[in-house]
Amino acid sequence: MAEGKEYISHSEELGSISISEEVLAVIAGAAALEVDGVSALGSSLAGDVASVVNNRKSLSRGVRLSVDGDKVTVDLTILVTYGYVVTDVAKAVQDNVYSAVENTSGLHVASVNVLVGGITLQK
């Protein structure tokens, strides 16, 4: 998750708008899971410990945000289903997350960095 801030704020004509970073992480996670070939969101051991300690929901697990002004960088870890082309799945995740975060938040996405943390086998 993003470090330091809990909300991303920007001023509008009628006042300010604040969006929780957790909301953006859930949007990014949900967008990643929509992509064919993504079996789950993954995370590092440190991320697993943090999610237990912070009681984070599974849709934001493996998603980390960094914010610089109105620019958001999304880092996420995915697990790919065996049989899919890993680079194709990762590129589709980048595209889907980029669109989802920009369209729902109005913020500019500077980059979407995808780490493929593993492969899962279908049963």
Protein backbone atom coordinates (compact mmCIF):
# COMPACT_ATOMS: atom_id res chain seq x y z
CA MET A 1 0.00 0.00 0.00
CA ALA A 2 1.11 3.56 -0.39
CA GLU A 3 3.40 4.95 2.20
CA GLY A 4 2.71 8.08 4.20
CA LYS A 5 -0.67 9.17 2.86
CA GLU A 6 -4.03 7.62 3.45
CA TYR A 7 -5.99 9.92 1.12
CA ILE A 8 -5.29 11.57 -2.19
CA SER A 9 -6.85 15.02 -2.34
CA HIS A 10 -7.33 17.56 -5.07
CA SER A 11 -9.26 20.80 -5.17
CA GLU A 12 -12.26 21.38 -7.36
CA GLU A 13 -14.36 24.48 -7.94
CA LEU A 14 -16.82 23.55 -5.20
CA GLY A 15 -14.29 22.20 -2.70
CA SER A 16 -11.81 19.40 -2.27
CA ILE A 17 -12.19 15.73 -3.15
CA SER A 18 -10.32 13.08 -1.18
CA ILE A 19 -9.98 9.47 -2.34
CA SER A 20 -8.70 6.80 -0.02
CA GLU A 21 -5.61 5.02 -1.30
CA GLU A 22 -7.32 1.78 -0.24
CA VAL A 23 -10.10 2.58 -2.72
CA LEU A 24 -7.57 3.00 -5.53
CA ALA A 25 -5.83 -0.24 -4.51
CA VAL A 26 -9.13 -2.15 -4.62
CA ILE A 27 -9.93 -0.65 -8.05
CA ALA A 28 -6.51 -1.72 -9.34
CA GLY A 29 -6.83 -5.20 -7.84
CA ALA A 30 -10.32 -5.73 -9.24
CA ALA A 31 -9.18 -4.57 -12.68
CA ALA A 32 -6.25 -7.01 -12.60
CA LEU A 33 -8.52 -9.91 -11.64
CA GLU A 34 -10.80 -9.17 -14.62
CA VAL A 35 -8.01 -10.17 -17.03
CA ASP A 36 -8.15 -13.70 -18.43
CA GLY A 37 -5.19 -15.69 -17.16
CA VAL A 38 -4.89 -13.90 -13.81
CA SER A 39 -5.71 -16.49 -11.17
CA ALA A 40 -5.06 -14.33 -8.10
CA LEU A 41 -3.32 -11.32 -6.70
CA GLY A 42 -0.11 -12.19 -4.92
CA SER A 43 2.13 -10.50 -2.46
CA SER A 44 5.45 -10.81 -0.74
CA LEU A 45 5.82 -12.27 2.73
CA ALA A 46 6.07 -8.73 4.09
CA GLY A 47 2.85 -7.85 2.26
CA ASP A 48 1.10 -10.91 3.72
CA VAL A 49 2.15 -9.91 7.23
CA ALA A 50 1.03 -6.31 6.63
CA SER A 51 -2.35 -7.45 5.28
CA VAL A 52 -2.94 -9.56 8.41
CA VAL A 53 -1.84 -6.78 10.75
CA ASN A 54 -3.82 -4.10 8.90
CA ASN A 55 -6.78 -6.40 8.10
CA ARG A 56 -6.61 -5.44 4.41
CA LYS A 57 -9.14 -6.91 2.04
CA SER A 58 -8.04 -9.45 -0.56
CA LEU A 59 -8.77 -7.15 -3.54
CA SER A 60 -5.95 -4.87 -2.49
CA ARG A 61 -3.53 -7.65 -1.55
CA GLY A 62 -0.42 -7.45 -3.66
CA VAL A 63 -1.21 -3.87 -4.74
CA ARG A 64 1.03 -0.99 -3.77
CA LEU A 65 0.52 2.65 -4.70
CA SER A 66 2.80 5.62 -4.70
CA VAL A 67 1.43 9.08 -5.28
CA ASP A 68 3.23 12.19 -6.45
CA GLY A 69 0.79 15.07 -6.70
CA ASP A 70 -1.94 13.90 -9.06
CA LYS A 71 0.18 11.08 -10.52
CA VAL A 72 -0.24 7.51 -9.30
CA THR A 73 2.19 4.64 -9.76
CA VAL A 74 0.70 1.19 -9.27
CA ASP A 75 2.85 -1.83 -8.40
CA LEU A 76 1.08 -5.16 -8.25
CA THR A 77 1.88 -8.82 -8.01
CA ILE A 78 -0.20 -11.39 -9.87
CA LEU A 79 -0.36 -15.14 -10.24
CA VAL A 80 -0.90 -16.39 -13.79
CA THR A 81 -2.83 -19.51 -14.72
CA TYR A 82 -0.67 -22.19 -16.34
CA GLY A 83 -1.12 -22.28 -20.11
CA TYR A 84 -1.41 -18.52 -20.64
CA VAL A 85 1.37 -16.44 -22.17
CA VAL A 86 2.79 -14.63 -19.15
CA THR A 87 3.85 -11.46 -20.99
CA ASP A 88 0.46 -11.17 -22.72
CA VAL A 89 -1.37 -11.48 -19.41
CA ALA A 90 0.93 -8.93 -17.73
CA LYS A 91 0.44 -6.43 -20.58
CA ALA A 92 -3.35 -6.88 -20.43
CA VAL A 93 -3.19 -6.25 -16.66
CA GLN A 94 -1.22 -3.05 -17.26
CA ASP A 95 -3.79 -1.81 -19.77
CA ASN A 96 -6.81 -2.73 -17.65
CA VAL A 97 -5.43 -1.29 -14.40
CA TYR A 98 -4.30 1.90 -16.14
CA SER A 99 -7.76 2.48 -17.62
CA ALA A 100 -9.67 1.56 -14.46
CA VAL A 101 -7.67 3.81 -12.12
CA GLU A 102 -7.63 6.79 -14.50
CA ASN A 103 -11.32 6.51 -15.42
CA THR A 104 -12.60 6.05 -11.88
CA SER A 105 -10.36 8.51 -10.05
CA GLY A 106 -9.57 11.24 -12.55
CA LEU A 107 -5.92 10.96 -11.52
CA HIS A 108 -3.11 10.41 -14.00
CA VAL A 109 -1.48 6.98 -13.86
CA ALA A 110 2.25 7.42 -14.36
CA SER A 111 2.95 3.67 -14.62
CA VAL A 112 1.61 0.22 -13.83
CA ASN A 113 4.36 -2.19 -12.83
CA VAL A 114 3.39 -5.87 -12.86
CA LEU A 115 5.35 -8.57 -11.06
CA VAL A 116 4.37 -12.13 -11.94
CA GLY A 117 4.91 -13.87 -8.64
CA GLY A 118 3.94 -17.37 -9.69
CA ILE A 119 1.96 -19.75 -11.83
CA THR A 120 -1.12 -21.64 -10.69
CA LEU A 121 -2.37 -24.93 -12.07
CA GLN A 122 -6.03 -25.43 -12.90
CA LYS A 123 -7.70 -28.35 -11.17
